Amino acid sequence: MKRIIQCLQLSALLAVGAPAFTQGTAPILLKNVSLIDGTGSAPGPQTDILIRGENIESIGKGIKSAGAREIDLKGKTVIPALISAHAHVGTLKGTTSTAENYTRENILRHLKKYQDYGVGAVLVMGTDRPLIFENGLRDSTVAGQLPGARMFSAGYGFNTPANSPASWMNLLLRPETPEDVPAMMEKLAQVKPDVVKMWVDDHGGGMKMKPEIYKAIIREAHKRNIRVAAHLFYAEDARLLTEAGIDIIAHSIRDKEVDADLLKKMKEKNVIYIPTLSLDEYQFVYAGKPDWVTDEFFKKSLEPGVFEMITDPGYGEKIKNAPEYSQNMAAFKTALKNLKKIYDAGITVALGTDSGAFPVRTQGFTEHLEMELMVQAGLTPLQAITVSTRNAAKAIRIDNQYGTIEKGKKADLIILDADPVKDIKNTRKISAVWKNGKEVSRGPLAQ
């Protein structure tokens, strides 16, 4: 009797398992795509991509593969999944951004939203909490074991003792002296952050981190082979931080145009520049009615209640009448000019948006808006895509597997219905999103 039961169990296992095994191992051949591979190379027309398992096995024309499932994508464009090297996850819910919102369910919901918009990975810049480290959530998303974008983390960021920004960031490390830094850095290093984030800004006239403290942060992080990213605003801070050894400038320089000396220093020090242009546009754009505000691709990215908030006439009037309104518009124009100068100087520029920090910085749509603003600054659409794929992967140091469509790399990609080289806004015409060699979404409008 026991033997009969075992045989029945084995038969049931084979019956259920065999088809899944066959389907999972059969290669997939994407035929006749226009390929933008993320390397900066010109698009390759009528290209085939052979995917086996999670990886890209070969790329070329007229590929044949016995037993492969062929998908004809004639008329479609394929680009790598986008990567945001500056985002925030977990604290946003409705019209609020609070520590109480930071739950496993909310984090996974945000990562799924990013994925629907073709964002395959995000680096959360310094506002994470113990939840993602203590239960392996961060590591599981990085490994692709959970639905949604892969989540990389800067752990708990460094700021001043002034307790600003607000409570949703209340796990920030706030050294009062350089001597406080080593113990704090050791605590942070235990969660294995991908970078260290620090705020070096006066937040419009408040306390600013002292040079002796940020130098200690850079020194202690580098001792542990961890790179450092800085939130900043001013050109002079960018100069001093570059001289001190900063690795990533995580926002635009917005007070004045960068000069030749700063460009030279940033290039020599291999500083990566993340402009977050959309953050600056969001500071003033709702005073009017941007052309995308009623677009479903935008509206689908919003938390409940946010559309009503930003389209209320009183909301726009409040922005327009704020004393910093004209300053914010001027800062945005300076950011556009500086991006073009920095890019032309040969400094690595990477996509990052600060999306997810506040309700108006919507997750997913903002990454596409950022590319549009890069083009507005003077980059070509192809350059903007490279910045948003290969360069962003380089910023997170995951470019060995992600960021480009090349042989041996993970098959994380977006299938588009139109050519983004002709119009960068065509990145919003998502036909499908693939992760680990499988279709995982048909885009936000299909949800």
Protein backbone atom coordinates (compact mmCIF):
# COMPACT_ATOMS: atom_id res chain seq x y z
CA MET A 1 0.00 0.00 0.00
CA LYS A 2 2.81 2.37 0.91
CA ARG A 3 4.51 1.71 -2.41
CA ILE A 4 1.26 2.39 -4.30
CA ILE A 5 0.86 5.73 -2.50
CA GLN A 6 4.46 6.68 -3.33
CA CYS A 7 3.90 5.81 -6.99
CA LEU A 8 0.73 7.90 -7.08
CA GLN A 9 2.54 10.84 -5.46
CA LEU A 10 5.38 10.58 -7.99
CA SER A 11 2.91 10.40 -10.90
CA ALA A 12 1.10 13.49 -9.62
CA LEU A 13 4.38 15.37 -9.21
CA LEU A 14 5.47 14.53 -12.74
CA ALA A 15 2.07 15.43 -14.17
CA VAL A 16 2.14 18.87 -12.52
CA GLY A 17 5.85 19.53 -12.76
CA ALA A 18 6.70 18.41 -16.29
CA PRO A 19 4.82 21.06 -18.28
CA ALA A 20 6.13 23.86 -16.02
CA PHE A 21 9.68 22.57 -16.39
CA THR A 22 9.39 22.39 -20.15
CA GLN A 23 7.87 25.86 -20.39
CA GLY A 24 10.47 27.34 -18.07
CA THR A 25 13.46 26.00 -19.98
CA ALA A 26 12.25 26.53 -23.54
CA PRO A 27 14.12 29.47 -25.08
CA ILE A 28 12.20 32.52 -26.26
CA LEU A 29 13.07 34.25 -29.51
CA LEU A 30 11.98 37.88 -29.91
CA LYS A 31 11.97 38.48 -33.67
CA ASN A 32 12.34 41.59 -35.81
CA VAL A 33 12.64 44.23 -33.11
CA SER A 34 14.21 47.65 -33.40
CA LEU A 35 16.80 47.29 -30.65
CA ILE A 36 18.08 50.14 -28.48
CA ASP A 37 20.52 48.21 -26.32
CA GLY A 38 21.41 50.94 -23.79
CA THR A 39 25.10 51.11 -24.73
CA GLY A 40 24.65 54.29 -26.71
CA SER A 41 24.88 52.48 -30.04
CA ALA A 42 22.48 53.40 -32.82
CA PRO A 43 19.27 51.36 -32.91
CA GLY A 44 19.56 47.99 -34.65
CA PRO A 45 16.64 47.35 -37.02
CA GLN A 46 15.13 43.91 -37.62
CA THR A 47 17.07 42.37 -34.72
CA ASP A 48 16.40 39.06 -32.95
CA ILE A 49 16.95 38.45 -29.24
CA LEU A 50 17.26 34.87 -27.96
CA ILE A 51 16.43 34.47 -24.28
CA ARG A 52 17.18 31.27 -22.39
CA GLY A 53 15.99 31.15 -18.81
CA GLU A 54 16.62 34.53 -17.18
CA ASN A 55 19.40 35.62 -19.52
CA ILE A 56 20.04 36.86 -23.02
CA GLU A 57 21.79 34.14 -24.97
CA SER A 58 22.37 35.87 -28.28
CA ILE A 59 21.48 38.95 -30.32
CA GLY A 60 21.59 39.23 -34.10
CA LYS A 61 19.70 38.89 -37.35
CA GLY A 62 18.00 35.74 -38.53
CA ILE A 63 18.65 33.75 -35.35
CA LYS A 64 17.39 30.17 -35.40
CA SER A 65 16.86 28.09 -32.28
CA ALA A 66 15.29 24.65 -32.22
CA GLY A 67 12.33 24.47 -29.88
CA ALA A 68 12.26 28.20 -29.18
CA ARG A 69 8.97 30.00 -28.73
CA GLU A 70 9.05 32.74 -31.34
CA ILE A 71 7.37 36.11 -30.78
CA ASP A 72 7.27 38.38 -33.82
CA LEU A 73 7.70 41.99 -32.69
CA LYS A 74 7.91 43.68 -36.06
CA GLY A 75 7.20 47.39 -35.62
CA LYS A 76 8.11 47.30 -31.93
CA THR A 77 11.15 48.84 -30.20
CA VAL A 78 12.95 47.11 -27.34
CA ILE A 79 14.96 49.01 -24.72
CA PRO A 80 16.48 47.88 -21.41
CA ALA A 81 14.37 48.26 -18.29
CA LEU A 82 14.88 51.70 -16.76
CA ILE A 83 16.88 52.09 -13.55
CA SER A 84 16.41 54.91 -11.06
CA ALA A 85 19.49 55.59 -8.97
CA HIS A 86 17.60 57.97 -6.68
CA ALA A 87 14.13 57.03 -5.43
CA HIS A 88 12.15 56.48 -2.24
CA VAL A 89 9.91 53.52 -1.43
CA GLY A 90 7.45 52.64 1.32
CA THR A 91 6.53 55.92 2.98
CA LEU A 92 4.06 57.21 0.37
CA LYS A 93 0.35 56.46 0.74
CA GLY A 94 -2.50 58.61 -0.50
CA THR A 95 -1.63 62.25 0.12
CA THR A 96 0.74 61.42 2.98
CA SER A 97 4.37 60.43 3.34
CA THR A 98 5.00 59.05 6.82
CA ALA A 99 6.94 56.43 8.73
CA GLU A 100 3.64 54.69 9.57
CA ASN A 101 3.12 53.92 5.88
CA TYR A 102 6.36 51.91 5.76
CA THR A 103 5.04 48.33 5.63
CA ARG A 104 5.95 45.26 3.63
CA GLU A 105 2.66 45.50 1.74
CA ASN A 106 3.21 49.15 0.83
CA ILE A 107 6.81 48.57 -0.25
CA LEU A 108 5.82 45.74 -2.56
CA ARG A 109 2.95 47.82 -3.93
CA HIS A 110 5.40 50.60 -4.83
CA LEU A 111 7.86 48.20 -6.42
CA LYS A 112 5.06 46.72 -8.52
CA LYS A 113 4.09 50.20 -9.68
CA TYR A 114 7.67 50.96 -10.73
CA GLN A 115 7.75 47.69 -12.65
CA ASP A 116 4.50 48.49 -14.49
CA TYR A 117 6.21 51.65 -15.73
CA GLY A 118 9.23 49.71 -16.97
CA VAL A 119 11.52 50.59 -14.05
CA GLY A 120 13.44 47.42 -13.29
CA ALA A 121 15.49 48.63 -10.32
CA VAL A 122 15.56 51.53 -7.87
CA LEU A 123 18.09 52.76 -5.34
CA VAL A 124 16.31 54.04 -2.23
CA MET A 125 18.33 57.02 -1.09
CA GLY A 126 18.67 56.91 2.67
CA THR A 127 15.10 56.65 3.99
CA ASP A 128 14.77 52.91 4.54
CA ARG A 129 13.94 51.26 7.85
CA PRO A 130 14.95 48.02 9.63
CA LEU A 131 11.96 46.12 8.19
CA ILE A 132 13.61 45.48 4.82
CA PHE A 133 16.89 44.28 6.31
CA GLU A 134 15.64 42.16 9.20
CA ASN A 135 13.34 39.93 7.14
CA GLY A 136 15.39 39.72 3.95
CA LEU A 137 12.93 41.79 1.92
CA ARG A 138 15.64 43.94 0.30
CA ASP A 139 17.73 40.90 -0.64
CA SER A 140 14.72 39.03 -2.01
CA THR A 141 13.80 41.89 -4.33
CA VAL A 142 17.39 42.23 -5.53
CA ALA A 143 17.42 38.51 -6.34
CA GLY A 144 14.22 38.91 -8.34
CA GLN A 145 12.32 36.55 -6.05
CA LEU A 146 9.45 38.96 -5.42
CA PRO A 147 7.20 40.83 -7.86
CA GLY A 148 8.20 44.35 -8.81
CA ALA A 149 11.36 46.35 -9.32
CA ARG A 150 14.58 45.27 -7.63
CA MET A 151 15.19 47.44 -4.57
CA PHE A 152 18.69 48.57 -3.68
CA SER A 153 19.24 50.66 -0.58
CA ALA A 154 21.37 53.36 0.98
CA GLY A 155 20.05 52.33 4.40
CA TYR A 156 19.78 55.18 6.89
CA GLY A 157 21.11 58.51 5.64
CA PHE A 158 23.22 61.11 7.46
CA ASN A 159 21.90 64.58 8.26
CA THR A 160 22.36 67.42 10.72
CA PRO A 161 21.19 67.37 14.37
CA ALA A 162 18.48 69.90 13.43
CA ASN A 163 15.90 67.13 12.86
CA SER A 164 15.10 68.20 9.33
CA PRO A 165 13.82 66.68 6.97
CA ALA A 166 10.67 65.64 8.74
CA SER A 167 9.51 62.65 10.74
CA TRP A 168 9.19 60.22 7.82
CA MET A 169 12.99 60.27 7.78
CA ASN A 170 13.37 59.99 11.54
CA LEU A 171 15.85 57.11 11.41
CA LEU A 172 18.49 59.37 9.89
CA LEU A 173 21.91 59.38 11.53
CA ARG A 174 22.65 62.85 12.95
CA PRO A 175 26.25 63.27 14.14
CA GLU A 176 27.02 66.38 16.17
CA THR A 177 30.79 66.00 15.85
CA PRO A 178 33.17 64.12 13.53
CA GLU A 179 33.91 61.79 16.45
CA ASP A 180 30.30 60.56 16.32
CA VAL A 181 30.66 59.31 12.77
CA PRO A 182 32.69 56.06 13.08
CA ALA A 183 30.20 54.32 15.40
CA MET A 184 27.26 55.46 13.28
CA MET A 185 28.96 54.28 10.12
CA GLU A 186 29.67 50.92 11.69
CA LYS A 187 25.98 50.59 12.55
CA LEU A 188 25.02 51.48 8.99
CA ALA A 189 27.59 49.12 7.47
CA GLN A 190 25.89 46.17 9.19
CA VAL A 191 22.91 46.43 6.80
CA LYS A 192 25.28 46.44 3.79
CA PRO A 193 24.07 49.59 2.03
CA ASP A 194 24.83 50.02 -1.66
CA VAL A 195 25.87 53.62 -0.97
CA VAL A 196 25.82 56.05 1.95
CA LYS A 197 23.47 59.03 1.56
CA MET A 198 24.07 62.37 3.26
CA TRP A 199 22.20 65.66 3.10
CA VAL A 200 24.54 68.62 2.54
CA ASP A 201 22.06 71.42 2.11
CA ASP A 202 20.50 74.15 4.23
CA HIS A 203 16.96 73.26 3.07
CA GLY A 204 16.26 76.91 2.27
CA GLY A 205 18.08 78.61 5.13
CA GLY A 206 18.32 75.99 7.87
CA MET A 207 21.30 74.17 9.37
CA LYS A 208 23.86 72.78 6.94
CA MET A 209 26.17 69.84 7.59
CA LYS A 210 29.65 71.02 8.53
CA PRO A 211 32.58 70.12 6.25
CA GLU A 212 34.44 68.34 9.04
CA ILE A 213 31.46 66.03 9.51
CA TYR A 214 30.87 65.20 5.85
CA LYS A 215 34.59 64.62 5.42
CA ALA A 216 34.43 62.12 8.29
CA ILE A 217 31.43 60.42 6.66
CA ILE A 218 33.28 60.07 3.36
CA ARG A 219 36.42 58.85 5.10
CA GLU A 220 34.64 56.24 7.24
CA ALA A 221 32.50 55.01 4.34
CA HIS A 222 35.52 54.62 2.08
CA LYS A 223 37.32 52.66 4.79
CA ARG A 224 34.52 50.13 4.43
CA ASN A 225 34.51 50.28 0.61
CA ILE A 226 31.14 52.03 0.52
CA ARG A 227 30.59 54.95 -1.81
CA VAL A 228 28.92 58.20 -0.71
CA ALA A 229 26.13 60.17 -2.38
CA ALA A 230 25.29 63.75 -1.43
CA HIS A 231 22.05 65.69 -1.54
CA LEU A 232 23.06 69.25 -2.40
CA PHE A 233 21.98 72.48 -4.10
CA TYR A 234 24.96 74.83 -4.32
CA ALA A 235 27.90 74.79 -6.73
CA GLU A 236 30.37 75.60 -3.97
CA ASP A 237 29.21 72.59 -1.95
CA ALA A 238 29.65 70.45 -5.05
CA ARG A 239 33.21 71.75 -5.40
CA LEU A 240 34.14 71.12 -1.77
CA LEU A 241 32.52 67.69 -1.74
CA THR A 242 34.29 66.70 -4.95
CA GLU A 243 37.60 67.72 -3.40
CA ALA A 244 36.67 65.69 -0.30
CA GLY A 245 36.09 62.55 -2.37
CA ILE A 246 32.33 62.36 -2.94
CA ASP A 247 31.31 59.58 -5.33
CA ILE A 248 27.79 60.64 -6.38
CA ILE A 249 26.12 64.04 -6.57
CA ALA A 250 22.48 63.05 -6.12
CA HIS A 251 20.75 66.28 -7.20
CA SER A 252 21.32 69.08 -9.67
CA ILE A 253 23.56 72.04 -8.95
CA ARG A 254 20.99 74.80 -9.08
CA ASP A 255 22.28 78.11 -7.70
CA LYS A 256 24.55 78.96 -10.62
CA GLU A 257 26.16 77.46 -13.70
CA VAL A 258 29.11 75.16 -13.16
CA ASP A 259 32.49 76.50 -14.19
CA ALA A 260 35.38 74.82 -16.01
CA ASP A 261 37.29 74.17 -12.78
CA LEU A 262 34.42 72.22 -11.19
CA LEU A 263 33.81 70.26 -14.38
CA LYS A 264 37.49 69.33 -14.51
CA LYS A 265 37.50 68.18 -10.87
CA MET A 266 34.33 66.13 -11.24
CA LYS A 267 35.72 64.43 -14.32
CA GLU A 268 39.08 63.69 -12.69
CA LYS A 269 37.39 62.26 -9.56
CA ASN A 270 34.92 60.13 -11.59
CA VAL A 271 31.96 61.72 -9.85
CA ILE A 272 28.55 60.44 -10.99
CA TYR A 273 25.89 63.13 -11.44
CA ILE A 274 22.17 62.47 -10.87
CA PRO A 275 20.25 65.58 -11.94
CA THR A 276 16.67 64.90 -10.63
CA LEU A 277 15.30 67.56 -12.98
CA SER A 278 11.73 66.44 -12.40
CA LEU A 279 12.01 67.23 -8.69
CA ASP A 280 12.69 70.85 -9.56
CA GLU A 281 9.89 71.04 -12.11
CA TYR A 282 7.44 69.61 -9.59
CA GLN A 283 8.30 72.54 -7.31
CA PHE A 284 6.39 74.96 -9.55
CA VAL A 285 4.68 73.14 -12.42
CA TYR A 286 1.33 72.63 -10.68
CA ALA A 287 0.87 76.40 -10.54
CA GLY A 288 -0.30 75.91 -14.10
CA LYS A 289 -1.63 72.93 -16.01
CA PRO A 290 1.18 70.81 -17.50
CA ASP A 291 0.28 69.08 -20.75
CA TRP A 292 0.51 65.66 -19.11
CA VAL A 293 -1.64 66.29 -16.03
CA THR A 294 -4.76 64.66 -17.51
CA ASP A 295 -2.84 61.93 -19.36
CA GLU A 296 -3.86 58.49 -18.11
CA PHE A 297 -0.20 57.41 -18.11
CA PHE A 298 0.38 60.09 -15.47
CA LYS A 299 -2.87 59.66 -13.58
CA LYS A 300 -2.35 55.90 -13.15
CA SER A 301 0.87 56.59 -11.24
CA LEU A 302 -0.80 58.79 -8.63
CA GLU A 303 -1.75 57.77 -5.14
CA PRO A 304 -5.48 58.09 -4.30
CA GLY A 305 -6.50 61.71 -3.73
CA VAL A 306 -3.41 63.29 -5.28
CA PHE A 307 -5.00 64.17 -8.63
CA GLU A 308 -7.79 66.02 -6.86
CA MET A 309 -5.21 67.80 -4.71
CA ILE A 310 -2.96 69.01 -7.53
CA THR A 311 -5.80 70.07 -9.85
CA ASP A 312 -7.61 72.09 -7.19
CA PRO A 313 -7.34 75.78 -8.23
CA GLY A 314 -6.40 76.76 -4.70
CA TYR A 315 -3.41 74.41 -4.76
CA GLY A 316 -2.02 76.06 -7.88
CA GLU A 317 -2.61 79.55 -6.53
CA LYS A 318 -0.77 78.69 -3.31
CA ILE A 319 2.28 77.58 -5.32
CA LYS A 320 2.16 80.64 -7.57
CA ASN A 321 1.93 83.01 -4.60
CA ALA A 322 4.69 81.36 -2.57
CA PRO A 323 7.78 83.55 -2.09
CA GLU A 324 10.06 80.84 -3.53
CA TYR A 325 8.03 80.39 -6.75
CA SER A 326 10.29 82.43 -9.04
CA GLN A 327 13.40 81.06 -7.33
CA ASN A 328 12.26 77.50 -8.02
CA MET A 329 11.68 78.27 -11.69
CA ALA A 330 15.13 79.86 -11.94
CA ALA A 331 16.74 76.88 -10.20
CA PHE A 332 15.12 74.52 -12.72
CA LYS A 333 16.48 76.51 -15.66
CA THR A 334 19.95 76.45 -14.11
CA ALA A 335 19.65 72.69 -13.57
CA LEU A 336 18.88 72.20 -17.27
CA LYS A 337 21.94 74.22 -18.31
CA ASN A 338 24.20 72.41 -15.86
CA LEU A 339 23.08 68.98 -17.00
CA LYS A 340 24.07 69.77 -20.57
CA LYS A 341 27.46 71.20 -19.53
CA ILE A 342 28.19 68.26 -17.24
CA TYR A 343 27.18 65.69 -19.84
CA ASP A 344 29.24 67.38 -22.55
CA ALA A 345 32.26 67.39 -20.21
CA GLY A 346 32.24 63.58 -20.23
CA ILE A 347 31.03 63.18 -16.65
CA THR A 348 28.79 60.15 -16.07
CA VAL A 349 25.16 61.24 -15.75
CA ALA A 350 22.66 58.73 -14.34
CA LEU A 351 18.88 58.67 -14.06
CA GLY A 352 17.43 59.48 -10.67
CA THR A 353 14.28 61.36 -9.79
CA ASP A 354 13.64 61.41 -6.02
CA SER A 355 10.24 59.93 -6.89
CA GLY A 356 8.29 58.50 -3.99
CA ALA A 357 9.49 61.04 -1.43
CA PHE A 358 6.28 63.09 -1.56
CA PRO A 359 2.88 62.60 -3.23
CA VAL A 360 3.57 65.01 -6.11
CA ARG A 361 6.76 63.09 -7.04
CA THR A 362 4.87 60.19 -8.45
CA GLN A 363 6.53 56.80 -8.89
CA GLY A 364 6.96 55.42 -12.40
CA PHE A 365 5.70 58.32 -14.49
CA THR A 366 8.42 60.58 -13.10
CA GLU A 367 11.18 58.42 -14.58
CA HIS A 368 9.69 58.95 -18.06
CA LEU A 369 9.22 62.67 -17.40
CA GLU A 370 12.86 62.88 -16.35
CA MET A 371 13.98 61.57 -19.73
CA GLU A 372 11.79 64.15 -21.47
CA LEU A 373 13.43 66.88 -19.38
CA MET A 374 16.90 65.55 -20.24
CA VAL A 375 16.02 66.00 -23.90
CA GLN A 376 14.71 69.48 -23.10
CA ALA A 377 18.13 70.19 -21.57
CA GLY A 378 19.82 69.29 -24.85
CA LEU A 379 20.52 65.57 -24.72
CA THR A 380 19.35 63.41 -27.60
CA PRO A 381 16.69 60.79 -26.91
CA LEU A 382 19.30 58.05 -27.37
CA GLN A 383 21.59 59.74 -24.84
CA ALA A 384 18.70 60.09 -22.37
CA ILE A 385 17.92 56.37 -22.68
CA THR A 386 21.58 55.45 -22.11
CA VAL A 387 21.66 57.70 -19.03
CA SER A 388 18.54 55.94 -17.76
CA THR A 389 19.74 52.40 -18.32
CA ARG A 390 23.48 51.69 -18.59
CA ASN A 391 24.63 54.74 -16.64
CA ALA A 392 22.11 54.27 -13.84
CA ALA A 393 23.16 50.62 -13.56
CA LYS A 394 26.75 51.82 -13.33
CA ALA A 395 25.77 54.24 -10.54
CA ILE A 396 24.39 51.33 -8.48
CA ARG A 397 27.20 49.01 -9.65
CA ILE A 398 24.87 46.45 -11.13
CA ASP A 399 25.96 47.00 -14.73
CA ASN A 400 27.49 43.52 -14.90
CA GLN A 401 23.94 42.12 -15.11
CA TYR A 402 21.55 44.98 -15.81
CA GLY A 403 21.21 48.23 -17.74
CA THR A 404 21.97 47.01 -21.27
CA ILE A 405 20.64 44.35 -23.60
CA GLU A 406 23.76 42.27 -24.22
CA LYS A 407 24.68 38.63 -24.35
CA GLY A 408 24.86 37.06 -20.90
CA LYS A 409 22.90 39.77 -19.08
CA LYS A 410 19.51 39.45 -17.43
CA ALA A 411 16.59 39.78 -19.81
CA ASP A 412 15.07 42.85 -18.12
CA LEU A 413 13.55 44.93 -20.91
CA ILE A 414 10.64 47.01 -22.18
CA ILE A 415 8.79 46.44 -25.44
CA LEU A 416 7.49 49.73 -26.87
CA ASP A 417 4.84 50.38 -29.50
CA ALA A 418 6.72 53.37 -30.94
CA ASP A 419 10.27 54.59 -31.48
CA PRO A 420 11.61 56.76 -28.61
CA VAL A 421 14.50 58.01 -30.77
CA LYS A 422 11.91 59.89 -32.84
CA ASP A 423 10.15 61.18 -29.72
CA ILE A 424 11.37 60.46 -26.20
CA LYS A 425 7.77 60.45 -24.98
CA ASN A 426 7.33 57.19 -26.87
CA THR A 427 8.93 55.42 -23.88
CA ARG A 428 5.45 55.81 -22.39
CA LYS A 429 3.89 53.60 -25.07
CA ILE A 430 4.59 50.38 -23.20
CA SER A 431 3.48 47.13 -24.80
CA ALA A 432 5.13 44.83 -22.24
CA VAL A 433 7.68 44.76 -19.44
CA TRP A 434 9.97 41.74 -19.05
CA LYS A 435 11.96 40.68 -15.99
CA ASN A 436 14.24 37.66 -15.76
CA GLY A 437 13.21 36.56 -19.24
CA LYS A 438 9.46 36.63 -18.56
CA GLU A 439 6.71 39.09 -19.28
CA VAL A 440 5.60 40.59 -15.96
CA SER A 441 3.43 43.53 -17.05
CA ARG A 442 1.63 45.07 -20.00
CA GLY A 443 2.26 48.56 -18.62
CA PRO A 444 0.28 50.75 -16.23
CA LEU A 445 -2.65 51.35 -18.57
CA ALA A 446 -3.38 47.61 -18.71
CA GLN A 447 -3.60 47.32 -14.92
